[in-house]
Each structure stands twice: as structure tokens, then as C-alpha cells.
Amino acid sequence: IKIVSESCINGFYYKPRISKEYLKDRSQGLVALSACLGGEVNNLVLNN
């Protein structure tokens, strides 16, 4: 809730954005998946 609210209130610029630094402080109790081809790891692999 904190992450999504922060991304919408203070991070919104065309899309609701959040930084990795903010995720570090709010990672407890969360599972993270690298997502689709739009995910950072997957996208970098796609671009070799």
C-alpha cells in the first residue's frame, strides 16, 4: 500500500513510478517477480 501510494502521489509522472531506494525500505513481507519483457532484467537480456 505504501509503495503504490507513494508512486501515485509523489512519483507520478506519466505513470506512477517508484525508485529502488524506496523499495529497499519497504521490501519486508513482499515477493518480487521480474515481470514481462518490460521488466528490467528481461528487457536488458532482450537487448543483449
All heavy atoms as atom14 arrays in JSON, in Angstrom:
{
  "sequence": "IKIVSESCINGFYYKPRISKEYLKDRSQGLVALSACLGGEVNNLVLNN",
  "atom14_mask": [
    [1, 1, 1, 1, 1, 1, 1, 1, 0, 0, 0, 0, 0, 0],
    [1, 1, 1, 1, 1, 1, 1, 1, 1, 0, 0, 0, 0, 0],
    [1, 1, 1, 1, 1, 1, 1, 1, 0, 0, 0, 0, 0, 0],
    [1, 1, 1, 1, 1, 1, 1, 0, 0, 0, 0, 0, 0, 0],
    [1, 1, 1, 1, 1, 1, 0, 0, 0, 0, 0, 0, 0, 0],
    [1, 1, 1, 1, 1, 1, 1, 1, 1, 0, 0, 0, 0, 0],
    [1, 1, 1, 1, 1, 1, 0, 0, 0, 0, 0, 0, 0, 0],
    [1, 1, 1, 1, 1, 1, 0, 0, 0, 0, 0, 0, 0, 0],
    [1, 1, 1, 1, 1, 1, 1, 1, 0, 0, 0, 0, 0, 0],
    [1, 1, 1, 1, 1, 1, 1, 1, 0, 0, 0, 0, 0, 0],
    [1, 1, 1, 1, 0, 0, 0, 0, 0, 0, 0, 0, 0, 0],
    [1, 1, 1, 1, 1, 1, 1, 1, 1, 1, 1, 0, 0, 0],
    [1, 1, 1, 1, 1, 1, 1, 1, 1, 1, 1, 1, 0, 0],
    [1, 1, 1, 1, 1, 1, 1, 1, 1, 1, 1, 1, 0, 0],
    [1, 1, 1, 1, 1, 1, 1, 1, 1, 0, 0, 0, 0, 0],
    [1, 1, 1, 1, 1, 1, 1, 0, 0, 0, 0, 0, 0, 0],
    [1, 1, 1, 1, 1, 1, 1, 1, 1, 1, 1, 0, 0, 0],
    [1, 1, 1, 1, 1, 1, 1, 1, 0, 0, 0, 0, 0, 0],
    [1, 1, 1, 1, 1, 1, 0, 0, 0, 0, 0, 0, 0, 0],
    [1, 1, 1, 1, 1, 1, 1, 1, 1, 0, 0, 0, 0, 0],
    [1, 1, 1, 1, 1, 1, 1, 1, 1, 0, 0, 0, 0, 0],
    [1, 1, 1, 1, 1, 1, 1, 1, 1, 1, 1, 1, 0, 0],
    [1, 1, 1, 1, 1, 1, 1, 1, 0, 0, 0, 0, 0, 0],
    [1, 1, 1, 1, 1, 1, 1, 1, 1, 0, 0, 0, 0, 0],
    [1, 1, 1, 1, 1, 1, 1, 1, 0, 0, 0, 0, 0, 0],
    [1, 1, 1, 1, 1, 1, 1, 1, 1, 1, 1, 0, 0, 0],
    [1, 1, 1, 1, 1, 1, 0, 0, 0, 0, 0, 0, 0, 0],
    [1, 1, 1, 1, 1, 1, 1, 1, 1, 0, 0, 0, 0, 0],
    [1, 1, 1, 1, 0, 0, 0, 0, 0, 0, 0, 0, 0, 0],
    [1, 1, 1, 1, 1, 1, 1, 1, 0, 0, 0, 0, 0, 0],
    [1, 1, 1, 1, 1, 1, 1, 0, 0, 0, 0, 0, 0, 0],
    [1, 1, 1, 1, 1, 0, 0, 0, 0, 0, 0, 0, 0, 0],
    [1, 1, 1, 1, 1, 1, 1, 1, 0, 0, 0, 0, 0, 0],
    [1, 1, 1, 1, 1, 1, 0, 0, 0, 0, 0, 0, 0, 0],
    [1, 1, 1, 1, 1, 0, 0, 0, 0, 0, 0, 0, 0, 0],
    [1, 1, 1, 1, 1, 1, 0, 0, 0, 0, 0, 0, 0, 0],
    [1, 1, 1, 1, 1, 1, 1, 1, 0, 0, 0, 0, 0, 0],
    [1, 1, 1, 1, 0, 0, 0, 0, 0, 0, 0, 0, 0, 0],
    [1, 1, 1, 1, 0, 0, 0, 0, 0, 0, 0, 0, 0, 0],
    [1, 1, 1, 1, 1, 1, 1, 1, 1, 0, 0, 0, 0, 0],
    [1, 1, 1, 1, 1, 1, 1, 0, 0, 0, 0, 0, 0, 0],
    [1, 1, 1, 1, 1, 1, 1, 1, 0, 0, 0, 0, 0, 0],
    [1, 1, 1, 1, 1, 1, 1, 1, 0, 0, 0, 0, 0, 0],
    [1, 1, 1, 1, 1, 1, 1, 1, 0, 0, 0, 0, 0, 0],
    [1, 1, 1, 1, 1, 1, 1, 0, 0, 0, 0, 0, 0, 0],
    [1, 1, 1, 1, 1, 1, 1, 1, 0, 0, 0, 0, 0, 0],
    [1, 1, 1, 1, 1, 1, 1, 1, 0, 0, 0, 0, 0, 0],
    [1, 1, 1, 1, 1, 1, 1, 1, 0, 0, 0, 0, 0, 0]
  ],
  "atom14_positions": [
    [[0.84, -1.2, 0.0], [0.0, 0.0, 0.0], [0.87, 1.25, 0.0], [0.63, 2.21, -0.74], [-0.94, 0.0, 1.23], [-2.03, -1.05, 1.07], [-1.59, 1.38, 1.42], [-2.88, -1.26, 2.31], [0.0, 0.0, 0.0], [0.0, 0.0, 0.0], [0.0, 0.0, 0.0], [0.0, 0.0, 0.0], [0.0, 0.0, 0.0], [0.0, 0.0, 0.0]],
    [[1.91, 1.25, 0.84], [2.82, 2.4, 0.93], [3.51, 2.65, -0.41], [3.64, 3.78, -0.88], [3.86, 2.17, 2.03], [3.32, 2.27, 3.44], [3.08, 3.71, 3.83], [2.72, 3.83, 5.31], [2.45, 5.24, 5.69], [0.0, 0.0, 0.0], [0.0, 0.0, 0.0], [0.0, 0.0, 0.0], [0.0, 0.0, 0.0], [0.0, 0.0, 0.0]],
    [[4.01, 1.57, -1.02], [4.74, 1.68, -2.28], [3.84, 2.23, -3.39], [4.21, 3.16, -4.11], [5.33, 0.31, -2.69], [6.47, -0.08, -1.73], [5.82, 0.32, -4.13], [6.87, -1.54, -1.83], [0.0, 0.0, 0.0], [0.0, 0.0, 0.0], [0.0, 0.0, 0.0], [0.0, 0.0, 0.0], [0.0, 0.0, 0.0], [0.0, 0.0, 0.0]],
    [[2.65, 1.65, -3.51], [1.73, 2.08, -4.57], [1.25, 3.51, -4.33], [1.17, 4.32, -5.27], [0.54, 1.1, -4.69], [-0.49, 1.62, -5.68], [1.03, -0.27, -5.11], [0.0, 0.0, 0.0], [0.0, 0.0, 0.0], [0.0, 0.0, 0.0], [0.0, 0.0, 0.0], [0.0, 0.0, 0.0], [0.0, 0.0, 0.0], [0.0, 0.0, 0.0]],
    [[0.96, 3.85, -3.07], [0.53, 5.21, -2.75], [1.64, 6.22, -3.04], [1.39, 7.27, -3.63], [0.11, 5.3, -1.28], [-1.0, 4.49, -1.01], [0.0, 0.0, 0.0], [0.0, 0.0, 0.0], [0.0, 0.0, 0.0], [0.0, 0.0, 0.0], [0.0, 0.0, 0.0], [0.0, 0.0, 0.0], [0.0, 0.0, 0.0], [0.0, 0.0, 0.0]],
    [[2.86, 5.89, -2.64], [3.99, 6.78, -2.89], [4.2, 6.98, -4.38], [4.46, 8.09, -4.85], [5.25, 6.19, -2.26], [6.54, 6.95, -2.54], [6.62, 8.33, -1.89], [5.83, 8.59, -0.95], [7.47, 9.15, -2.31], [0.0, 0.0, 0.0], [0.0, 0.0, 0.0], [0.0, 0.0, 0.0], [0.0, 0.0, 0.0], [0.0, 0.0, 0.0]],
    [[4.08, 5.9, -5.16], [4.28, 6.01, -6.61], [3.23, 6.89, -7.26], [3.5, 7.6, -8.22], [4.29, 4.61, -7.25], [3.0, 4.03, -7.22], [0.0, 0.0, 0.0], [0.0, 0.0, 0.0], [0.0, 0.0, 0.0], [0.0, 0.0, 0.0], [0.0, 0.0, 0.0], [0.0, 0.0, 0.0], [0.0, 0.0, 0.0], [0.0, 0.0, 0.0]],
    [[2.01, 6.85, -6.72], [0.91, 7.65, -7.3], [0.94, 9.1, -6.83], [0.62, 10.01, -7.59], [-0.43, 7.02, -6.93], [-0.77, 5.45, -7.76], [0.0, 0.0, 0.0], [0.0, 0.0, 0.0], [0.0, 0.0, 0.0], [0.0, 0.0, 0.0], [0.0, 0.0, 0.0], [0.0, 0.0, 0.0], [0.0, 0.0, 0.0], [0.0, 0.0, 0.0]],
    [[1.33, 9.32, -5.58], [1.27, 10.67, -5.01], [2.53, 11.48, -5.32], [2.45, 12.59, -5.84], [1.05, 10.59, -3.48], [-0.31, 9.96, -3.17], [1.13, 11.99, -2.85], [-0.51, 9.59, -1.73], [0.0, 0.0, 0.0], [0.0, 0.0, 0.0], [0.0, 0.0, 0.0], [0.0, 0.0, 0.0], [0.0, 0.0, 0.0], [0.0, 0.0, 0.0]],
    [[3.68, 10.91, -5.01], [4.93, 11.66, -5.19], [5.75, 11.22, -6.4], [6.67, 11.92, -6.81], [5.79, 11.53, -3.93], [5.14, 12.17, -2.72], [4.59, 13.26, -2.8], [5.18, 11.48, -1.58], [0.0, 0.0, 0.0], [0.0, 0.0, 0.0], [0.0, 0.0, 0.0], [0.0, 0.0, 0.0], [0.0, 0.0, 0.0], [0.0, 0.0, 0.0]],
    [[5.42, 10.05, -6.96], [6.21, 9.55, -8.08], [5.54, 9.65, -9.43], [6.14, 9.3, -10.45], [0.0, 0.0, 0.0], [0.0, 0.0, 0.0], [0.0, 0.0, 0.0], [0.0, 0.0, 0.0], [0.0, 0.0, 0.0], [0.0, 0.0, 0.0], [0.0, 0.0, 0.0], [0.0, 0.0, 0.0], [0.0, 0.0, 0.0], [0.0, 0.0, 0.0]],
    [[4.31, 10.15, -9.45], [3.57, 10.11, -10.72], [4.14, 11.11, -11.73], [4.19, 12.31, -11.49], [2.09, 10.41, -10.5], [1.23, 10.0, -11.68], [0.61, 8.77, -11.67], [1.09, 10.81, -12.78], [-0.17, 8.36, -12.76], [0.33, 10.42, -13.87], [-0.3, 9.2, -13.86], [0.0, 0.0, 0.0], [0.0, 0.0, 0.0], [0.0, 0.0, 0.0]],
    [[4.57, 10.58, -12.86], [5.0, 11.38, -13.99], [4.71, 10.55, -15.24], [5.48, 9.66, -15.58], [6.49, 11.74, -13.87], [6.98, 12.67, -14.97], [6.49, 13.97, -15.08], [7.92, 12.25, -15.9], [6.93, 14.82, -16.08], [8.38, 13.09, -16.9], [7.88, 14.38, -16.98], [8.32, 15.23, -17.99], [0.0, 0.0, 0.0], [0.0, 0.0, 0.0]],
    [[3.56, 10.76, -15.85], [3.01, 9.93, -16.91], [2.54, 8.57, -16.37], [1.49, 8.08, -16.74], [4.01, 9.72, -18.06], [4.28, 10.98, -18.85], [5.31, 11.86, -18.48], [3.51, 11.3, -19.96], [5.55, 13.03, -19.2], [3.74, 12.46, -20.68], [4.76, 13.32, -20.29], [4.99, 14.47, -21.0], [0.0, 0.0, 0.0], [0.0, 0.0, 0.0]],
    [[3.31, 7.95, -15.52], [2.95, 6.7, -14.86], [3.29, 6.83, -13.37], [4.14, 7.64, -12.98], [3.75, 5.52, -15.44], [3.53, 5.25, -16.92], [2.25, 4.46, -17.15], [2.16, 4.03, -18.62], [0.9, 3.31, -18.9], [0.0, 0.0, 0.0], [0.0, 0.0, 0.0], [0.0, 0.0, 0.0], [0.0, 0.0, 0.0], [0.0, 0.0, 0.0]],
    [[2.67, 6.0, -12.52], [3.06, 6.0, -11.09], [4.38, 5.26, -10.9], [4.45, 4.05, -11.06], [1.89, 5.25, -10.42], [1.3, 4.4, -11.49], [1.51, 5.14, -12.79], [0.0, 0.0, 0.0], [0.0, 0.0, 0.0], [0.0, 0.0, 0.0], [0.0, 0.0, 0.0], [0.0, 0.0, 0.0], [0.0, 0.0, 0.0], [0.0, 0.0, 0.0]],
    [[5.44, 5.99, -10.58], [6.8, 5.42, -10.55], [7.31, 5.29, -9.11], [6.94, 6.06, -8.23], [7.75, 6.32, -11.33], [7.23, 6.75, -12.7], [8.05, 7.91, -13.25], [8.18, 8.98, -12.28], [9.16, 9.87, -12.24], [10.12, 9.82, -13.15], [9.21, 10.81, -11.32], [0.0, 0.0, 0.0], [0.0, 0.0, 0.0], [0.0, 0.0, 0.0]],
    [[8.21, 4.32, -8.92], [8.84, 4.14, -7.61], [10.32, 3.81, -7.82], [10.69, 3.17, -8.81], [8.13, 3.03, -6.8], [8.43, 3.17, -5.32], [8.46, 1.65, -7.33], [7.76, 4.34, -4.66], [0.0, 0.0, 0.0], [0.0, 0.0, 0.0], [0.0, 0.0, 0.0], [0.0, 0.0, 0.0], [0.0, 0.0, 0.0], [0.0, 0.0, 0.0]],
    [[11.16, 4.27, -6.92], [12.61, 4.03, -7.05], [13.01, 2.76, -6.31], [12.32, 2.3, -5.39], [13.39, 5.21, -6.48], [13.2, 5.29, -5.07], [0.0, 0.0, 0.0], [0.0, 0.0, 0.0], [0.0, 0.0, 0.0], [0.0, 0.0, 0.0], [0.0, 0.0, 0.0], [0.0, 0.0, 0.0], [0.0, 0.0, 0.0], [0.0, 0.0, 0.0]],
    [[14.14, 2.2, -6.69], [14.67, 1.04, -5.98], [15.04, 1.39, -4.55], [14.91, 0.56, -3.64], [15.91, 0.5, -6.71], [15.6, -0.31, -7.95], [16.88, -0.91, -8.5], [16.62, -1.61, -9.83], [17.86, -2.1, -10.44], [0.0, 0.0, 0.0], [0.0, 0.0, 0.0], [0.0, 0.0, 0.0], [0.0, 0.0, 0.0], [0.0, 0.0, 0.0]],
    [[15.49, 2.62, -4.35], [15.85, 3.05, -3.0], [14.64, 2.99, -2.08], [14.75, 2.58, -0.92], [16.42, 4.48, -3.02], [17.82, 4.58, -3.58], [18.82, 3.74, -2.79], [18.8, 3.82, -1.54], [19.61, 3.01, -3.4], [0.0, 0.0, 0.0], [0.0, 0.0, 0.0], [0.0, 0.0, 0.0], [0.0, 0.0, 0.0], [0.0, 0.0, 0.0]],
    [[13.48, 3.39, -2.59], [12.27, 3.32, -1.76], [11.88, 1.87, -1.5], [11.43, 1.53, -0.4], [11.12, 4.07, -2.46], [9.93, 4.3, -1.56], [9.85, 5.44, -0.75], [8.9, 3.38, -1.48], [8.76, 5.65, 0.09], [7.81, 3.58, -0.64], [7.74, 4.72, 0.14], [6.68, 4.9, 0.98], [0.0, 0.0, 0.0], [0.0, 0.0, 0.0]],
    [[12.06, 1.01, -2.51], [11.74, -0.41, -2.34], [12.57, -1.05, -1.23], [12.09, -1.92, -0.52], [11.96, -1.16, -3.65], [10.99, -0.87, -4.79], [11.38, -1.68, -6.02], [9.55, -1.16, -4.4], [0.0, 0.0, 0.0], [0.0, 0.0, 0.0], [0.0, 0.0, 0.0], [0.0, 0.0, 0.0], [0.0, 0.0, 0.0], [0.0, 0.0, 0.0]],
    [[13.81, -0.61, -1.09], [14.69, -1.18, -0.06], [14.09, -1.04, 1.33], [14.21, -1.94, 2.17], [16.07, -0.5, -0.09], [16.94, -0.89, -1.26], [18.27, -0.15, -1.22], [19.13, -0.5, -2.43], [20.4, 0.28, -2.43], [0.0, 0.0, 0.0], [0.0, 0.0, 0.0], [0.0, 0.0, 0.0], [0.0, 0.0, 0.0], [0.0, 0.0, 0.0]],
    [[13.46, 0.09, 1.58], [12.9, 0.35, 2.91], [11.52, -0.27, 3.1], [10.98, -0.27, 4.21], [12.78, 1.87, 3.14], [14.14, 2.56, 3.12], [15.12, 1.91, 3.54], [14.22, 3.73, 2.69], [0.0, 0.0, 0.0], [0.0, 0.0, 0.0], [0.0, 0.0, 0.0], [0.0, 0.0, 0.0], [0.0, 0.0, 0.0], [0.0, 0.0, 0.0]],
    [[10.93, -0.81, 2.03], [9.57, -1.35, 2.11], [9.49, -2.77, 1.56], [8.43, -3.2, 1.12], [8.61, -0.45, 1.31], [8.46, 0.96, 1.85], [7.66, 0.97, 3.14], [7.56, 2.32, 3.69], [6.98, 2.58, 4.85], [6.49, 1.6, 5.58], [6.91, 3.82, 5.31], [0.0, 0.0, 0.0], [0.0, 0.0, 0.0], [0.0, 0.0, 0.0]],
    [[10.58, -3.51, 1.6], [10.62, -4.83, 0.97], [10.13, -5.95, 1.87], [9.82, -7.05, 1.4], [12.04, -5.14, 0.5], [12.92, -5.18, 1.61], [0.0, 0.0, 0.0], [0.0, 0.0, 0.0], [0.0, 0.0, 0.0], [0.0, 0.0, 0.0], [0.0, 0.0, 0.0], [0.0, 0.0, 0.0], [0.0, 0.0, 0.0], [0.0, 0.0, 0.0]],
    [[10.04, -5.69, 3.16], [9.67, -6.75, 4.1], [8.26, -7.26, 3.8], [7.33, -6.5, 3.6], [9.73, -6.23, 5.53], [9.56, -7.33, 6.58], [9.67, -6.78, 7.99], [9.96, -5.61, 8.2], [9.45, -7.64, 8.98], [0.0, 0.0, 0.0], [0.0, 0.0, 0.0], [0.0, 0.0, 0.0], [0.0, 0.0, 0.0], [0.0, 0.0, 0.0]],
    [[8.14, -8.58, 3.77], [6.83, -9.18, 3.54], [6.41, -9.23, 2.09], [5.24, -9.51, 1.8], [0.0, 0.0, 0.0], [0.0, 0.0, 0.0], [0.0, 0.0, 0.0], [0.0, 0.0, 0.0], [0.0, 0.0, 0.0], [0.0, 0.0, 0.0], [0.0, 0.0, 0.0], [0.0, 0.0, 0.0], [0.0, 0.0, 0.0], [0.0, 0.0, 0.0]],
    [[7.33, -8.98, 1.16], [6.98, -8.95, -0.26], [7.78, -9.98, -1.06], [8.96, -10.2, -0.81], [7.24, -7.56, -0.85], [6.33, -6.43, -0.37], [6.83, -5.1, -0.91], [4.88, -6.67, -0.79], [0.0, 0.0, 0.0], [0.0, 0.0, 0.0], [0.0, 0.0, 0.0], [0.0, 0.0, 0.0], [0.0, 0.0, 0.0], [0.0, 0.0, 0.0]],
    [[7.11, -10.57, -2.03], [7.75, -11.4, -3.06], [7.81, -10.55, -4.32], [6.85, -9.85, -4.66], [6.94, -12.68, -3.32], [7.48, -13.42, -4.54], [6.97, -13.59, -2.1], [0.0, 0.0, 0.0], [0.0, 0.0, 0.0], [0.0, 0.0, 0.0], [0.0, 0.0, 0.0], [0.0, 0.0, 0.0], [0.0, 0.0, 0.0], [0.0, 0.0, 0.0]],
    [[8.95, -10.59, -5.03], [9.11, -9.81, -6.26], [9.38, -10.75, -7.43], [10.18, -11.69, -7.32], [10.25, -8.81, -6.11], [0.0, 0.0, 0.0], [0.0, 0.0, 0.0], [0.0, 0.0, 0.0], [0.0, 0.0, 0.0], [0.0, 0.0, 0.0], [0.0, 0.0, 0.0], [0.0, 0.0, 0.0], [0.0, 0.0, 0.0], [0.0, 0.0, 0.0]],
    [[8.69, -10.5, -8.54], [8.91, -11.24, -9.79], [9.39, -10.27, -10.85], [8.93, -9.13, -10.92], [7.61, -11.91, -10.26], [6.77, -12.68, -9.23], [5.54, -13.27, -9.91], [7.58, -13.76, -8.56], [0.0, 0.0, 0.0], [0.0, 0.0, 0.0], [0.0, 0.0, 0.0], [0.0, 0.0, 0.0], [0.0, 0.0, 0.0], [0.0, 0.0, 0.0]],
    [[10.3, -10.74, -11.71], [10.97, -9.84, -12.66], [10.08, -9.31, -13.77], [10.49, -8.48, -14.57], [12.19, -10.53, -13.27], [11.79, -11.6, -14.1], [0.0, 0.0, 0.0], [0.0, 0.0, 0.0], [0.0, 0.0, 0.0], [0.0, 0.0, 0.0], [0.0, 0.0, 0.0], [0.0, 0.0, 0.0], [0.0, 0.0, 0.0], [0.0, 0.0, 0.0]],
    [[8.84, -9.82, -13.85], [7.82, -9.32, -14.79], [8.07, -9.76, -16.22], [8.8, -10.72, -16.49], [7.67, -7.8, -14.69], [0.0, 0.0, 0.0], [0.0, 0.0, 0.0], [0.0, 0.0, 0.0], [0.0, 0.0, 0.0], [0.0, 0.0, 0.0], [0.0, 0.0, 0.0], [0.0, 0.0, 0.0], [0.0, 0.0, 0.0], [0.0, 0.0, 0.0]],
    [[7.47, -9.04, -17.16], [7.45, -9.4, -18.58], [8.68, -8.83, -19.28], [9.68, -8.5, -18.65], [6.18, -8.86, -19.22], [5.98, -7.07, -18.91], [0.0, 0.0, 0.0], [0.0, 0.0, 0.0], [0.0, 0.0, 0.0], [0.0, 0.0, 0.0], [0.0, 0.0, 0.0], [0.0, 0.0, 0.0], [0.0, 0.0, 0.0], [0.0, 0.0, 0.0]],
    [[8.6, -8.68, -20.59], [9.71, -8.07, -21.34], [9.9, -6.62, -20.96], [10.93, -6.02, -21.29], [9.44, -8.18, -22.85], [9.43, -9.61, -23.42], [8.99, -9.59, -24.88], [10.8, -10.26, -23.28], [0.0, 0.0, 0.0], [0.0, 0.0, 0.0], [0.0, 0.0, 0.0], [0.0, 0.0, 0.0], [0.0, 0.0, 0.0], [0.0, 0.0, 0.0]],
    [[8.94, -6.04, -20.25], [9.08, -4.68, -19.75], [9.8, -4.62, -18.42], [10.08, -3.53, -17.9], [0.0, 0.0, 0.0], [0.0, 0.0, 0.0], [0.0, 0.0, 0.0], [0.0, 0.0, 0.0], [0.0, 0.0, 0.0], [0.0, 0.0, 0.0], [0.0, 0.0, 0.0], [0.0, 0.0, 0.0], [0.0, 0.0, 0.0], [0.0, 0.0, 0.0]],
    [[10.1, -5.78, -17.83], [10.88, -5.81, -16.6], [12.34, -5.51, -16.87], [12.84, -5.77, -17.97], [0.0, 0.0, 0.0], [0.0, 0.0, 0.0], [0.0, 0.0, 0.0], [0.0, 0.0, 0.0], [0.0, 0.0, 0.0], [0.0, 0.0, 0.0], [0.0, 0.0, 0.0], [0.0, 0.0, 0.0], [0.0, 0.0, 0.0], [0.0, 0.0, 0.0]],
    [[13.03, -5.0, -15.88], [14.41, -4.54, -16.11], [15.34, -5.67, -16.55], [16.05, -5.54, -17.56], [14.96, -3.88, -14.84], [16.35, -3.3, -15.04], [16.85, -2.51, -13.85], [16.19, -2.55, -12.78], [17.92, -1.86, -13.97], [0.0, 0.0, 0.0], [0.0, 0.0, 0.0], [0.0, 0.0, 0.0], [0.0, 0.0, 0.0], [0.0, 0.0, 0.0]],
    [[15.33, -6.78, -15.82], [16.24, -7.89, -16.16], [15.88, -8.44, -17.53], [16.74, -8.61, -18.4], [16.16, -9.0, -15.09], [17.1, -10.14, -15.44], [16.5, -8.44, -13.7], [0.0, 0.0, 0.0], [0.0, 0.0, 0.0], [0.0, 0.0, 0.0], [0.0, 0.0, 0.0], [0.0, 0.0, 0.0], [0.0, 0.0, 0.0], [0.0, 0.0, 0.0]],
    [[14.6, -8.74, -17.73], [14.15, -9.31, -19.0], [14.45, -8.39, -20.18], [14.87, -8.83, -21.26], [12.65, -9.59, -18.95], [12.23, -10.38, -17.72], [12.61, -10.05, -16.6], [11.45, -11.42, -17.92], [0.0, 0.0, 0.0], [0.0, 0.0, 0.0], [0.0, 0.0, 0.0], [0.0, 0.0, 0.0], [0.0, 0.0, 0.0], [0.0, 0.0, 0.0]],
    [[14.25, -7.09, -19.98], [14.47, -6.12, -21.05], [15.94, -6.0, -21.42], [16.3, -5.9, -22.6], [13.91, -4.76, -20.63], [13.84, -3.78, -21.78], [14.72, -2.95, -21.95], [12.79, -3.88, -22.58], [0.0, 0.0, 0.0], [0.0, 0.0, 0.0], [0.0, 0.0, 0.0], [0.0, 0.0, 0.0], [0.0, 0.0, 0.0], [0.0, 0.0, 0.0]],
    [[16.79, -6.03, -20.42], [18.24, -5.96, -20.68], [18.74, -7.21, -21.4], [19.58, -7.13, -22.31], [19.0, -5.76, -19.37], [18.83, -4.38, -18.72], [19.4, -4.38, -17.3], [19.52, -3.29, -19.56], [0.0, 0.0, 0.0], [0.0, 0.0, 0.0], [0.0, 0.0, 0.0], [0.0, 0.0, 0.0], [0.0, 0.0, 0.0], [0.0, 0.0, 0.0]],
    [[18.18, -8.36, -21.03], [18.52, -9.6, -21.73], [18.07, -9.51, -23.18], [18.8, -9.89, -24.11], [17.88, -10.81, -21.02], [18.0, -12.06, -21.9], [18.55, -11.05, -19.68], [0.0, 0.0, 0.0], [0.0, 0.0, 0.0], [0.0, 0.0, 0.0], [0.0, 0.0, 0.0], [0.0, 0.0, 0.0], [0.0, 0.0, 0.0], [0.0, 0.0, 0.0]],
    [[16.86, -9.01, -23.4], [16.32, -8.86, -24.75], [17.23, -8.01, -25.63], [17.41, -8.3, -26.82], [14.92, -8.23, -24.68], [14.22, -7.93, -26.01], [13.94, -9.22, -26.78], [12.93, -7.16, -25.78], [0.0, 0.0, 0.0], [0.0, 0.0, 0.0], [0.0, 0.0, 0.0], [0.0, 0.0, 0.0], [0.0, 0.0, 0.0], [0.0, 0.0, 0.0]],
    [[17.82, -6.99, -25.02], [18.71, -6.1, -25.77], [20.17, -6.54, -25.72], [21.08, -5.74, -26.01], [18.56, -4.68, -25.23], [17.23, -4.06, -25.61], [17.01, -3.68, -26.75], [16.31, -3.98, -24.64], [0.0, 0.0, 0.0], [0.0, 0.0, 0.0], [0.0, 0.0, 0.0], [0.0, 0.0, 0.0], [0.0, 0.0, 0.0], [0.0, 0.0, 0.0]],
    [[20.37, -7.8, -25.31], [21.71, -8.41, -25.3], [22.7, -7.66, -24.41], [23.9, -7.67, -24.65], [22.26, -8.52, -26.74], [23.31, -9.62, -26.86], [23.21, -10.65, -26.16], [24.3, -9.42, -27.7], [0.0, 0.0, 0.0], [0.0, 0.0, 0.0], [0.0, 0.0, 0.0], [0.0, 0.0, 0.0], [0.0, 0.0, 0.0], [0.0, 0.0, 0.0]]
  ]
}
